């Protein structure tokens, strides 16, 4: 039996559970990672934030901005760069980015899969 390669498994997982690249206005790119590729503490934090959206009966739109901001900071690979980028975002931009991230990183759907 051939030994499994952790390096190959990681490469395959990164390809199957791809992140969403987000180009910042300063010319950099941050990756909004798939939930399945977050470390355990990041996954736990993201789940708490996502559950808060579902549990919320509050329609105060001003409360959405910090929640969406926190979620994006948890899933991104460069919190410092993304935090600077989001400094002046209106709610509409947060919603568009989170929606694009959710659509791109749906669990179980491999991008560019041969199957």
N, C-alpha and C. Protein backbone atom coordinates (compact mmCIF):
# COMPACT_ATOMS: atom_id res chain seq x y z
N UNK A 1 0.84 -1.18 0.00
CA UNK A 1 0.00 0.00 0.00
C UNK A 1 0.89 1.25 0.00
N UNK A 2 0.54 2.20 -0.83
CA UNK A 2 1.29 3.45 -0.93
C UNK A 2 0.87 4.39 0.20
N UNK A 3 1.85 5.02 0.80
CA UNK A 3 1.59 5.97 1.89
C UNK A 3 0.91 7.22 1.34
N UNK A 4 0.00 7.76 2.12
CA UNK A 4 -0.64 9.02 1.77
C UNK A 4 0.36 10.15 1.99
N UNK A 5 0.31 11.12 1.13
CA UNK A 5 1.17 12.29 1.25
C UNK A 5 0.35 13.45 1.81
N UNK A 6 0.73 13.92 2.98
CA UNK A 6 0.01 15.05 3.58
C UNK A 6 0.10 16.28 2.69
N UNK A 7 1.24 16.48 2.04
CA UNK A 7 1.39 17.63 1.14
C UNK A 7 0.41 17.53 -0.03
N UNK A 8 0.27 16.32 -0.60
CA UNK A 8 -0.67 16.14 -1.71
C UNK A 8 -2.11 16.30 -1.24
N UNK A 9 -2.43 15.76 -0.06
CA UNK A 9 -3.78 15.91 0.47
C UNK A 9 -4.14 17.37 0.70
N UNK A 10 -3.19 18.15 1.22
CA UNK A 10 -3.43 19.57 1.45
C UNK A 10 -3.64 20.30 0.12
N UNK A 11 -2.84 19.97 -0.88
CA UNK A 11 -2.98 20.59 -2.19
C UNK A 11 -4.34 20.26 -2.80
N UNK A 12 -4.76 19.01 -2.68
CA UNK A 12 -6.06 18.59 -3.20
C UNK A 12 -7.20 19.29 -2.47
N UNK A 13 -7.10 19.38 -1.15
CA UNK A 13 -8.15 20.05 -0.36
C UNK A 13 -8.22 21.52 -0.72
N UNK A 14 -7.07 22.17 -0.89
CA UNK A 14 -7.06 23.59 -1.26
C UNK A 14 -7.68 23.81 -2.62
N UNK A 15 -7.49 22.87 -3.54
CA UNK A 15 -8.09 22.98 -4.87
C UNK A 15 -9.59 22.71 -4.81
N UNK A 16 -9.99 21.71 -4.03
CA UNK A 16 -11.41 21.36 -3.97
C UNK A 16 -12.22 22.38 -3.19
N UNK A 17 -11.66 22.90 -2.12
CA UNK A 17 -12.36 23.86 -1.27
C UNK A 17 -11.70 25.22 -1.43
N UNK A 18 -11.78 25.73 -2.65
CA UNK A 18 -11.06 26.93 -3.04
C UNK A 18 -11.56 28.18 -2.31
N UNK A 19 -10.66 29.12 -2.21
CA UNK A 19 -11.00 30.41 -1.62
C UNK A 19 -11.43 31.37 -2.73
N UNK A 20 -11.98 32.50 -2.31
CA UNK A 20 -12.37 33.54 -3.25
C UNK A 20 -11.33 34.66 -3.17
N UNK A 21 -10.58 34.91 -4.25
CA UNK A 21 -9.63 36.02 -4.22
C UNK A 21 -10.39 37.35 -4.29
N UNK A 22 -9.95 38.30 -3.48
CA UNK A 22 -10.56 39.63 -3.45
C UNK A 22 -9.45 40.66 -3.64
N UNK A 23 -9.50 41.39 -4.74
CA UNK A 23 -8.50 42.41 -5.03
C UNK A 23 -8.85 43.68 -4.26
N UNK A 24 -7.88 44.19 -3.52
CA UNK A 24 -8.10 45.43 -2.77
C UNK A 24 -7.78 46.63 -3.65
N UNK A 25 -8.24 47.78 -3.20
CA UNK A 25 -7.99 49.01 -3.95
C UNK A 25 -6.53 49.44 -3.88
N UNK A 26 -5.77 48.90 -2.95
CA UNK A 26 -4.35 49.24 -2.85
C UNK A 26 -3.50 48.34 -3.73
N UNK A 27 -4.13 47.43 -4.46
CA UNK A 27 -3.40 46.59 -5.40
C UNK A 27 -3.05 45.20 -4.89
N UNK A 28 -3.39 44.88 -3.66
CA UNK A 28 -3.13 43.55 -3.13
C UNK A 28 -4.32 42.63 -3.33
N UNK A 29 -4.12 41.38 -2.99
CA UNK A 29 -5.20 40.40 -3.05
C UNK A 29 -5.24 39.64 -1.74
N UNK A 30 -6.44 39.52 -1.19
CA UNK A 30 -6.65 38.68 -0.02
C UNK A 30 -7.50 37.50 -0.45
N UNK A 31 -7.37 36.40 0.26
CA UNK A 31 -8.14 35.20 -0.04
C UNK A 31 -9.22 35.04 1.03
N UNK A 32 -10.46 34.93 0.60
CA UNK A 32 -11.56 34.64 1.52
C UNK A 32 -11.75 33.12 1.49
N UNK A 33 -11.25 32.48 2.53
CA UNK A 33 -11.14 31.01 2.56
C UNK A 33 -12.50 30.33 2.76
N UNK A 34 -12.57 29.14 2.21
CA UNK A 34 -13.70 28.25 2.42
C UNK A 34 -13.72 27.87 3.91
N UNK A 35 -14.91 27.74 4.48
CA UNK A 35 -15.02 27.36 5.89
C UNK A 35 -14.28 26.05 6.18
N UNK A 36 -14.30 25.13 5.23
CA UNK A 36 -13.66 23.84 5.44
C UNK A 36 -12.14 23.92 5.48
N UNK A 37 -11.57 25.05 5.11
CA UNK A 37 -10.12 25.22 5.11
C UNK A 37 -9.64 26.11 6.26
N UNK A 38 -10.53 26.50 7.13
CA UNK A 38 -10.13 27.31 8.29
C UNK A 38 -9.56 26.42 9.38
N UNK A 39 -8.64 26.95 10.17
CA UNK A 39 -8.18 26.19 11.34
C UNK A 39 -9.34 26.06 12.33
N UNK A 40 -9.27 25.12 13.28
CA UNK A 40 -10.39 24.88 14.19
C UNK A 40 -10.94 26.13 14.89
N UNK A 41 -10.05 26.99 15.37
CA UNK A 41 -10.54 28.19 16.07
C UNK A 41 -11.23 29.16 15.11
N UNK A 42 -10.75 29.23 13.87
CA UNK A 42 -11.39 30.08 12.87
C UNK A 42 -12.76 29.55 12.46
N UNK A 43 -12.85 28.22 12.32
CA UNK A 43 -14.13 27.61 11.97
C UNK A 43 -15.16 27.85 13.07
N UNK A 44 -14.74 27.69 14.31
CA UNK A 44 -15.64 27.92 15.43
C UNK A 44 -16.13 29.37 15.46
N UNK A 45 -15.23 30.31 15.27
CA UNK A 45 -15.61 31.73 15.27
C UNK A 45 -16.56 32.04 14.11
N UNK A 46 -16.27 31.50 12.93
CA UNK A 46 -17.12 31.74 11.76
C UNK A 46 -18.51 31.16 11.98
N UNK A 47 -18.59 29.98 12.56
CA UNK A 47 -19.90 29.36 12.81
C UNK A 47 -20.72 30.18 13.79
N UNK A 48 -20.07 30.70 14.83
CA UNK A 48 -20.77 31.55 15.80
C UNK A 48 -21.33 32.79 15.10
N UNK A 49 -20.52 33.41 14.27
CA UNK A 49 -20.96 34.60 13.55
C UNK A 49 -22.10 34.29 12.57
N UNK A 50 -21.98 33.19 11.84
CA UNK A 50 -23.03 32.81 10.90
C UNK A 50 -24.33 32.46 11.62
N UNK A 51 -24.23 31.77 12.74
CA UNK A 51 -25.43 31.43 13.51
C UNK A 51 -26.11 32.68 14.06
N UNK A 52 -25.32 33.70 14.40
CA UNK A 52 -25.89 34.95 14.91
C UNK A 52 -26.76 35.61 13.85
N UNK A 53 -26.39 35.48 12.58
CA UNK A 53 -27.22 36.04 11.51
C UNK A 53 -28.56 35.32 11.46
N UNK A 54 -28.54 34.01 11.58
CA UNK A 54 -29.76 33.22 11.52
C UNK A 54 -30.65 33.42 12.72
N UNK A 55 -30.04 33.65 13.89
CA UNK A 55 -30.81 33.82 15.12
C UNK A 55 -31.34 35.23 15.31
N UNK A 56 -30.77 36.17 14.58
CA UNK A 56 -31.12 37.58 14.79
C UNK A 56 -32.53 37.88 14.32
N UNK A 57 -33.29 38.48 15.18
CA UNK A 57 -34.61 38.97 14.82
C UNK A 57 -34.57 40.48 14.69
N UNK A 58 -33.39 41.03 14.87
CA UNK A 58 -33.17 42.47 14.81
C UNK A 58 -33.05 42.90 13.36
N UNK A 59 -33.72 43.95 13.00
CA UNK A 59 -33.64 44.46 11.64
C UNK A 59 -32.80 45.73 11.56
N UNK A 60 -32.03 46.00 12.60
CA UNK A 60 -31.18 47.17 12.62
C UNK A 60 -29.99 46.95 11.70
N UNK A 61 -30.00 47.61 10.55
CA UNK A 61 -28.96 47.40 9.55
C UNK A 61 -27.58 47.84 10.04
N UNK A 62 -27.54 48.80 10.95
CA UNK A 62 -26.25 49.26 11.48
C UNK A 62 -25.51 48.16 12.23
N UNK A 63 -26.25 47.20 12.79
CA UNK A 63 -25.63 46.10 13.52
C UNK A 63 -25.04 45.06 12.58
N UNK A 64 -25.47 45.07 11.33
CA UNK A 64 -24.94 44.10 10.37
C UNK A 64 -23.49 44.38 10.00
N UNK A 65 -23.11 45.64 9.91
CA UNK A 65 -21.76 45.98 9.45
C UNK A 65 -20.69 45.34 10.33
N UNK A 66 -20.72 45.50 11.67
CA UNK A 66 -19.66 44.85 12.46
C UNK A 66 -19.70 43.32 12.38
N UNK A 67 -20.88 42.74 12.25
CA UNK A 67 -20.97 41.28 12.14
C UNK A 67 -20.37 40.79 10.83
N UNK A 68 -20.70 41.45 9.74
CA UNK A 68 -20.15 41.08 8.43
C UNK A 68 -18.65 41.32 8.40
N UNK A 69 -18.22 42.42 8.99
CA UNK A 69 -16.79 42.74 9.06
C UNK A 69 -16.04 41.64 9.81
N UNK A 70 -16.56 41.25 10.96
CA UNK A 70 -15.92 40.20 11.75
C UNK A 70 -15.85 38.89 10.99
N UNK A 71 -16.92 38.54 10.30
CA UNK A 71 -16.94 37.30 9.52
C UNK A 71 -15.86 37.33 8.44
N UNK A 72 -15.78 38.42 7.70
CA UNK A 72 -14.78 38.50 6.64
C UNK A 72 -13.36 38.48 7.20
N UNK A 73 -13.15 39.08 8.35
CA UNK A 73 -11.82 39.05 8.96
C UNK A 73 -11.44 37.65 9.42
N UNK A 74 -12.42 36.86 9.84
CA UNK A 74 -12.15 35.48 10.26
C UNK A 74 -11.78 34.61 9.06
N UNK A 75 -12.46 34.77 7.95
CA UNK A 75 -12.22 33.88 6.81
C UNK A 75 -11.09 34.34 5.90
N UNK A 76 -10.62 35.57 6.05
CA UNK A 76 -9.57 36.04 5.14
C UNK A 76 -8.19 35.58 5.60
N UNK A 77 -7.26 35.59 4.66
CA UNK A 77 -5.89 35.16 4.96
C UNK A 77 -4.99 36.32 5.37
N UNK A 78 -5.47 37.55 5.29
CA UNK A 78 -4.67 38.71 5.65
C UNK A 78 -5.58 39.76 6.28
N UNK A 79 -5.82 39.62 7.59
CA UNK A 79 -6.76 40.49 8.29
C UNK A 79 -6.33 41.95 8.25
N UNK A 80 -5.06 42.21 8.31
CA UNK A 80 -4.58 43.60 8.31
C UNK A 80 -4.93 44.29 6.99
N UNK A 81 -4.65 43.64 5.88
CA UNK A 81 -4.94 44.22 4.57
C UNK A 81 -6.44 44.38 4.36
N UNK A 82 -7.21 43.38 4.77
CA UNK A 82 -8.66 43.46 4.57
C UNK A 82 -9.28 44.51 5.49
N UNK A 83 -8.79 44.61 6.70
CA UNK A 83 -9.32 45.61 7.62
C UNK A 83 -9.13 47.01 7.05
N UNK A 84 -7.96 47.29 6.50
CA UNK A 84 -7.70 48.59 5.89
C UNK A 84 -8.63 48.82 4.70
N UNK A 85 -8.84 47.79 3.91
CA UNK A 85 -9.72 47.88 2.74
C UNK A 85 -11.15 48.20 3.15
N UNK A 86 -11.63 47.57 4.22
CA UNK A 86 -13.04 47.71 4.62
C UNK A 86 -13.34 48.99 5.40
N UNK A 87 -12.34 49.80 5.69
CA UNK A 87 -12.52 50.97 6.56
C UNK A 87 -13.66 51.88 6.14
N UNK A 88 -13.90 52.01 4.85
CA UNK A 88 -14.96 52.93 4.40
C UNK A 88 -16.08 52.24 3.61
N UNK A 89 -16.17 50.93 3.76
CA UNK A 89 -17.20 50.21 3.02
C UNK A 89 -18.60 50.51 3.56
N UNK A 90 -19.56 50.74 2.67
CA UNK A 90 -20.96 50.80 3.08
C UNK A 90 -21.52 49.37 3.19
N UNK A 91 -22.66 49.24 3.79
CA UNK A 91 -23.29 47.94 3.99
C UNK A 91 -23.45 47.17 2.68
N UNK A 92 -23.79 47.86 1.61
CA UNK A 92 -23.98 47.19 0.32
C UNK A 92 -22.76 46.45 -0.17
N UNK A 93 -21.58 46.98 0.07
CA UNK A 93 -20.35 46.31 -0.37
C UNK A 93 -20.13 45.06 0.48
N UNK A 94 -20.34 45.17 1.80
CA UNK A 94 -20.22 43.99 2.66
C UNK A 94 -21.13 42.88 2.17
N UNK A 95 -22.38 43.22 1.88
CA UNK A 95 -23.34 42.20 1.44
C UNK A 95 -22.93 41.57 0.12
N UNK A 96 -22.43 42.36 -0.80
CA UNK A 96 -22.01 41.80 -2.09
C UNK A 96 -20.82 40.86 -1.93
N UNK A 97 -19.85 41.26 -1.08
CA UNK A 97 -18.67 40.43 -0.89
C UNK A 97 -19.03 39.13 -0.17
N UNK A 98 -19.84 39.22 0.88
CA UNK A 98 -20.22 38.01 1.62
C UNK A 98 -21.05 37.09 0.72
N UNK A 99 -21.94 37.63 -0.08
CA UNK A 99 -22.74 36.82 -0.99
C UNK A 99 -21.84 36.12 -2.01
N UNK A 100 -20.89 36.85 -2.58
CA UNK A 100 -19.96 36.23 -3.56
C UNK A 100 -19.13 35.15 -2.89
N UNK A 101 -18.67 35.40 -1.65
CA UNK A 101 -17.88 34.40 -0.91
C UNK A 101 -18.71 33.14 -0.66
N UNK A 102 -19.95 33.32 -0.24
CA UNK A 102 -20.81 32.16 0.03
C UNK A 102 -21.05 31.36 -1.24
N UNK A 103 -21.33 32.03 -2.34
CA UNK A 103 -21.59 31.33 -3.61
C UNK A 103 -20.35 30.59 -4.11
N UNK A 104 -19.19 31.19 -3.95
CA UNK A 104 -17.95 30.59 -4.46
C UNK A 104 -17.46 29.43 -3.61
N UNK A 105 -17.74 29.46 -2.32
CA UNK A 105 -17.14 28.49 -1.41
C UNK A 105 -18.15 27.51 -0.81
N UNK A 106 -19.27 27.30 -1.48
CA UNK A 106 -20.27 26.36 -0.98
C UNK A 106 -19.63 25.02 -0.70
N UNK A 107 -19.81 24.48 0.48
CA UNK A 107 -19.23 23.20 0.88
C UNK A 107 -19.66 22.10 -0.07
N UNK A 108 -18.68 21.28 -0.45
CA UNK A 108 -18.98 20.12 -1.28
C UNK A 108 -18.96 20.38 -2.76
N UNK A 109 -18.80 21.61 -3.17
CA UNK A 109 -18.77 21.92 -4.58
C UNK A 109 -17.35 22.29 -4.99
N UNK A 110 -16.75 21.42 -5.74
CA UNK A 110 -15.39 21.67 -6.21
C UNK A 110 -15.45 22.56 -7.44
N UNK A 111 -14.58 23.52 -7.48
CA UNK A 111 -14.48 24.39 -8.65
C UNK A 111 -13.59 23.71 -9.67
N UNK A 112 -13.96 23.80 -10.95
CA UNK A 112 -13.18 23.20 -12.03
C UNK A 112 -12.94 21.71 -11.84
N UNK A 113 -13.93 21.00 -11.35
CA UNK A 113 -13.82 19.56 -11.11
C UNK A 113 -14.04 18.78 -12.39
N UNK A 114 -13.34 17.65 -12.53
CA UNK A 114 -13.50 16.80 -13.70
C UNK A 114 -14.72 15.90 -13.59
N UNK A 115 -15.28 15.76 -12.38
CA UNK A 115 -16.40 14.85 -12.19
C UNK A 115 -17.73 15.52 -12.34
